[in-house]
N, C-alpha and C. Protein backbone atom coordinates (compact mmCIF):
# COMPACT_ATOMS: atom_id res chain seq x y z
N GLU A 1 -10.71 -5.72 -10.36
CA GLU A 1 -10.73 -4.67 -11.37
C GLU A 1 -9.35 -4.53 -11.99
N VAL A 2 -9.33 -4.32 -13.27
CA VAL A 2 -8.08 -4.11 -13.98
C VAL A 2 -7.74 -2.62 -13.96
N ILE A 3 -6.50 -2.31 -13.63
CA ILE A 3 -6.03 -0.93 -13.66
C ILE A 3 -5.21 -0.76 -14.92
N THR A 4 -5.58 0.21 -15.74
CA THR A 4 -4.86 0.43 -16.99
C THR A 4 -4.36 1.86 -17.05
N PHE A 5 -3.39 2.09 -17.93
CA PHE A 5 -2.80 3.40 -18.11
C PHE A 5 -2.92 3.79 -19.58
N SER A 6 -3.20 5.06 -19.83
CA SER A 6 -3.31 5.55 -21.20
C SER A 6 -2.00 6.21 -21.62
N ASP A 7 -1.92 6.61 -22.88
CA ASP A 7 -0.73 7.31 -23.37
C ASP A 7 -0.48 8.59 -22.58
N ALA A 8 -1.55 9.22 -22.10
CA ALA A 8 -1.39 10.46 -21.32
C ALA A 8 -0.62 10.21 -20.03
N ASP A 9 -0.74 9.01 -19.48
CA ASP A 9 -0.02 8.68 -18.25
C ASP A 9 1.49 8.56 -18.47
N TYR A 10 1.89 8.36 -19.70
CA TYR A 10 3.31 8.21 -20.02
C TYR A 10 3.97 9.54 -20.40
N GLU A 11 3.22 10.62 -20.32
CA GLU A 11 3.77 11.93 -20.69
C GLU A 11 4.98 12.24 -19.82
N GLY A 12 6.11 12.53 -20.46
CA GLY A 12 7.34 12.86 -19.74
C GLY A 12 8.16 11.66 -19.31
N VAL A 13 7.69 10.44 -19.60
CA VAL A 13 8.41 9.23 -19.23
C VAL A 13 9.19 8.73 -20.43
N ARG A 14 10.49 8.50 -20.22
CA ARG A 14 11.29 7.95 -21.32
C ARG A 14 11.21 6.44 -21.27
N LEU A 15 10.73 5.86 -22.37
CA LEU A 15 10.56 4.40 -22.44
C LEU A 15 11.78 3.75 -23.05
N PRO A 16 12.13 2.53 -22.75
CA PRO A 16 11.53 1.74 -21.67
C PRO A 16 11.95 2.30 -20.31
N HIS A 17 11.17 2.04 -19.29
CA HIS A 17 11.48 2.56 -17.97
C HIS A 17 11.30 1.48 -16.91
N ASP A 18 11.91 1.68 -15.77
CA ASP A 18 11.71 0.77 -14.63
C ASP A 18 11.40 1.58 -13.38
N ASP A 19 10.70 2.71 -13.60
CA ASP A 19 10.33 3.58 -12.49
C ASP A 19 9.30 2.89 -11.60
N PRO A 20 9.33 3.18 -10.30
CA PRO A 20 8.29 2.62 -9.43
C PRO A 20 6.95 3.28 -9.70
N VAL A 21 5.88 2.55 -9.40
CA VAL A 21 4.53 3.09 -9.50
C VAL A 21 4.12 3.55 -8.10
N VAL A 22 3.74 4.82 -7.98
CA VAL A 22 3.34 5.39 -6.69
C VAL A 22 1.95 5.97 -6.87
N VAL A 23 1.02 5.58 -5.97
CA VAL A 23 -0.37 6.00 -6.09
C VAL A 23 -0.89 6.54 -4.76
N THR A 24 -2.09 7.13 -4.81
CA THR A 24 -2.82 7.54 -3.62
C THR A 24 -4.08 6.69 -3.53
N LEU A 25 -4.34 6.12 -2.35
CA LEU A 25 -5.52 5.30 -2.13
C LEU A 25 -6.23 5.75 -0.86
N LEU A 26 -7.50 5.41 -0.76
CA LEU A 26 -8.24 5.63 0.48
C LEU A 26 -8.08 4.38 1.34
N VAL A 27 -7.47 4.53 2.51
CA VAL A 27 -7.32 3.44 3.45
C VAL A 27 -8.16 3.81 4.67
N GLU A 28 -9.20 3.02 4.91
CA GLU A 28 -10.15 3.33 5.99
C GLU A 28 -10.66 4.78 5.87
N LEU A 29 -10.97 5.19 4.62
CA LEU A 29 -11.49 6.53 4.29
C LEU A 29 -10.49 7.65 4.56
N PHE A 30 -9.21 7.33 4.69
CA PHE A 30 -8.15 8.31 4.88
C PHE A 30 -7.29 8.32 3.61
N ALA A 31 -7.12 9.49 2.99
CA ALA A 31 -6.32 9.58 1.77
C ALA A 31 -4.86 9.32 2.12
N THR A 32 -4.37 8.18 1.67
CA THR A 32 -3.00 7.77 1.94
C THR A 32 -2.18 7.98 0.67
N LYS A 33 -1.19 8.86 0.77
CA LYS A 33 -0.42 9.26 -0.41
C LYS A 33 0.93 8.55 -0.44
N ARG A 34 1.54 8.56 -1.59
CA ARG A 34 2.86 8.00 -1.82
C ARG A 34 2.92 6.51 -1.49
N ILE A 35 1.95 5.75 -1.99
CA ILE A 35 1.95 4.30 -1.82
C ILE A 35 2.78 3.71 -2.96
N LEU A 36 3.83 2.99 -2.60
CA LEU A 36 4.69 2.36 -3.58
C LEU A 36 4.14 0.98 -3.92
N ILE A 37 3.91 0.74 -5.19
CA ILE A 37 3.45 -0.57 -5.64
C ILE A 37 4.68 -1.34 -6.11
N ASP A 38 4.96 -2.44 -5.44
CA ASP A 38 6.11 -3.28 -5.77
C ASP A 38 5.59 -4.68 -6.02
N SER A 39 5.50 -5.04 -7.29
CA SER A 39 4.91 -6.34 -7.62
C SER A 39 5.80 -7.51 -7.18
N GLY A 40 7.04 -7.24 -6.78
CA GLY A 40 7.92 -8.30 -6.32
C GLY A 40 7.85 -8.53 -4.82
N SER A 41 7.08 -7.72 -4.11
CA SER A 41 7.00 -7.84 -2.66
C SER A 41 5.88 -8.80 -2.27
N SER A 42 6.09 -9.50 -1.16
CA SER A 42 5.05 -10.41 -0.68
C SER A 42 4.37 -9.86 0.57
N ALA A 43 4.64 -8.60 0.91
CA ALA A 43 4.05 -8.00 2.11
C ALA A 43 3.47 -6.63 1.77
N ASP A 44 2.36 -6.31 2.41
CA ASP A 44 1.78 -4.97 2.33
C ASP A 44 2.12 -4.29 3.65
N ILE A 45 2.96 -3.27 3.60
CA ILE A 45 3.50 -2.66 4.82
C ILE A 45 2.93 -1.27 5.02
N LEU A 46 2.47 -1.02 6.24
CA LEU A 46 1.99 0.29 6.64
C LEU A 46 2.88 0.75 7.79
N TYR A 47 3.62 1.83 7.57
CA TYR A 47 4.53 2.31 8.61
C TYR A 47 3.74 2.87 9.79
N LYS A 48 4.35 2.82 10.98
CA LYS A 48 3.67 3.22 12.21
C LYS A 48 3.14 4.65 12.13
N HIS A 49 3.87 5.55 11.51
CA HIS A 49 3.41 6.95 11.40
C HIS A 49 2.05 7.01 10.69
N ALA A 50 1.92 6.29 9.59
CA ALA A 50 0.65 6.27 8.85
C ALA A 50 -0.42 5.57 9.68
N PHE A 51 -0.06 4.49 10.34
CA PHE A 51 -1.01 3.77 11.18
C PHE A 51 -1.54 4.67 12.30
N ASP A 52 -0.64 5.43 12.91
CA ASP A 52 -1.04 6.36 13.98
C ASP A 52 -2.02 7.41 13.45
N GLN A 53 -1.80 7.90 12.23
CA GLN A 53 -2.69 8.91 11.66
C GLN A 53 -4.08 8.34 11.37
N LEU A 54 -4.18 7.05 11.15
CA LEU A 54 -5.49 6.42 10.94
C LEU A 54 -6.28 6.32 12.24
N ARG A 55 -5.60 6.51 13.36
CA ARG A 55 -6.22 6.48 14.70
C ARG A 55 -6.93 5.14 14.99
N ILE A 56 -6.29 4.07 14.59
CA ILE A 56 -6.80 2.75 14.89
C ILE A 56 -6.10 2.28 16.17
N PRO A 57 -6.84 1.86 17.18
CA PRO A 57 -6.21 1.40 18.42
C PRO A 57 -5.27 0.23 18.17
N ALA A 58 -4.10 0.26 18.81
CA ALA A 58 -3.09 -0.79 18.61
C ALA A 58 -3.60 -2.15 19.06
N ASP A 59 -4.58 -2.19 19.94
CA ASP A 59 -5.08 -3.49 20.40
C ASP A 59 -5.89 -4.22 19.32
N GLN A 60 -6.15 -3.54 18.19
CA GLN A 60 -6.83 -4.20 17.07
C GLN A 60 -5.85 -4.99 16.19
N LEU A 61 -4.55 -4.80 16.41
CA LEU A 61 -3.55 -5.56 15.66
C LEU A 61 -3.52 -7.01 16.11
N LYS A 62 -3.41 -7.92 15.16
CA LYS A 62 -3.28 -9.34 15.46
C LYS A 62 -1.79 -9.67 15.53
N PRO A 63 -1.35 -10.35 16.58
CA PRO A 63 0.08 -10.69 16.68
C PRO A 63 0.51 -11.60 15.53
N VAL A 64 1.72 -11.36 15.04
CA VAL A 64 2.33 -12.20 14.00
C VAL A 64 3.73 -12.52 14.47
N LYS A 65 4.07 -13.79 14.54
CA LYS A 65 5.36 -14.20 15.10
C LYS A 65 6.48 -14.26 14.08
N ILE A 66 6.16 -14.24 12.80
CA ILE A 66 7.18 -14.35 11.76
C ILE A 66 7.72 -12.96 11.46
N PRO A 67 9.05 -12.75 11.61
CA PRO A 67 9.61 -11.42 11.33
C PRO A 67 9.72 -11.18 9.82
N LEU A 68 9.81 -9.92 9.45
CA LEU A 68 10.04 -9.54 8.05
C LEU A 68 11.54 -9.42 7.83
N VAL A 69 11.97 -9.65 6.60
CA VAL A 69 13.37 -9.45 6.24
C VAL A 69 13.43 -8.20 5.39
N GLY A 70 14.22 -7.22 5.83
CA GLY A 70 14.31 -5.93 5.15
C GLY A 70 15.09 -6.01 3.85
N PHE A 71 15.15 -4.89 3.14
CA PHE A 71 15.81 -4.83 1.85
C PHE A 71 17.30 -5.15 1.94
N ALA A 72 17.92 -4.81 3.07
CA ALA A 72 19.36 -5.06 3.24
C ALA A 72 19.60 -6.38 3.97
N GLY A 73 18.57 -7.19 4.14
CA GLY A 73 18.71 -8.48 4.79
C GLY A 73 18.52 -8.45 6.30
N GLU A 74 18.24 -7.29 6.86
CA GLU A 74 18.05 -7.18 8.31
C GLU A 74 16.67 -7.72 8.71
N THR A 75 16.58 -8.20 9.93
CA THR A 75 15.31 -8.70 10.46
C THR A 75 14.54 -7.56 11.08
N ILE A 76 13.27 -7.46 10.75
CA ILE A 76 12.41 -6.40 11.25
C ILE A 76 11.25 -7.05 12.01
N HIS A 77 11.08 -6.65 13.26
CA HIS A 77 9.96 -7.16 14.05
C HIS A 77 8.82 -6.15 13.95
N HIS A 78 7.70 -6.58 13.42
CA HIS A 78 6.58 -5.68 13.20
C HIS A 78 5.61 -5.71 14.37
N LEU A 79 4.70 -4.75 14.36
CA LEU A 79 3.74 -4.63 15.46
C LEU A 79 2.61 -5.64 15.36
N GLY A 80 2.31 -6.12 14.16
CA GLY A 80 1.23 -7.08 13.97
C GLY A 80 0.57 -6.87 12.63
N SER A 81 -0.59 -7.48 12.45
CA SER A 81 -1.33 -7.32 11.19
C SER A 81 -2.76 -6.90 11.48
N ILE A 82 -3.39 -6.32 10.47
CA ILE A 82 -4.77 -5.85 10.60
C ILE A 82 -5.39 -5.85 9.21
N ASN A 83 -6.69 -6.08 9.13
CA ASN A 83 -7.41 -5.98 7.86
C ASN A 83 -7.98 -4.56 7.75
N LEU A 84 -7.71 -3.91 6.62
CA LEU A 84 -8.17 -2.55 6.39
C LEU A 84 -8.89 -2.46 5.05
N SER A 85 -9.90 -1.60 4.98
CA SER A 85 -10.63 -1.34 3.75
C SER A 85 -9.81 -0.37 2.89
N VAL A 86 -9.62 -0.72 1.61
CA VAL A 86 -8.85 0.11 0.68
C VAL A 86 -9.71 0.38 -0.55
N VAL A 87 -9.80 1.67 -0.95
CA VAL A 87 -10.56 2.07 -2.12
C VAL A 87 -9.59 2.64 -3.15
N ALA A 88 -9.69 2.13 -4.39
CA ALA A 88 -8.87 2.62 -5.49
C ALA A 88 -9.78 3.16 -6.58
N GLY A 89 -9.37 4.29 -7.17
CA GLY A 89 -10.12 4.88 -8.27
C GLY A 89 -11.18 5.85 -7.79
N THR A 90 -11.90 6.39 -8.76
CA THR A 90 -13.01 7.29 -8.47
C THR A 90 -14.24 6.79 -9.22
N ALA A 91 -15.40 7.03 -8.64
CA ALA A 91 -16.65 6.56 -9.26
C ALA A 91 -16.78 7.16 -10.65
N PRO A 92 -17.23 6.42 -11.62
CA PRO A 92 -17.78 5.07 -11.57
C PRO A 92 -16.73 3.97 -11.70
N CYS A 93 -15.47 4.31 -11.90
CA CYS A 93 -14.39 3.32 -12.04
C CYS A 93 -13.66 3.20 -10.71
N GLN A 94 -14.27 2.47 -9.79
CA GLN A 94 -13.76 2.40 -8.42
C GLN A 94 -13.90 0.96 -7.91
N THR A 95 -12.97 0.56 -7.10
CA THR A 95 -13.06 -0.75 -6.47
C THR A 95 -12.67 -0.64 -5.01
N GLN A 96 -13.28 -1.46 -4.18
CA GLN A 96 -12.98 -1.49 -2.75
C GLN A 96 -12.63 -2.91 -2.37
N VAL A 97 -11.49 -3.08 -1.68
CA VAL A 97 -11.05 -4.40 -1.25
C VAL A 97 -10.60 -4.31 0.21
N GLU A 98 -10.56 -5.46 0.85
CA GLU A 98 -10.01 -5.53 2.20
C GLU A 98 -8.63 -6.14 2.09
N MET A 99 -7.64 -5.46 2.66
CA MET A 99 -6.26 -5.93 2.59
C MET A 99 -5.73 -6.15 4.00
N THR A 100 -4.81 -7.09 4.15
CA THR A 100 -4.16 -7.35 5.42
C THR A 100 -2.85 -6.58 5.47
């Protein structure tokens, strides 16, 4: 599905801009707020606090041996990966995808 923005979405924004896009999505039917969309990132990251609120048992995580490299170049060892259902939009303009 294509996500588009109307002129109303630009109200109060001085153009041109390089502001981040932050949205709210349903992740496993839980309203997850303040999701930063970074088109330059190659990873979809869910912080442990949010993961804990989803109440998904940690044993459902699949081990991943490759560490992530943080914004400042530091190595970050993550807990693992998991596939989650994500819903964007509201009916009738809604899409559901599975993300890792």
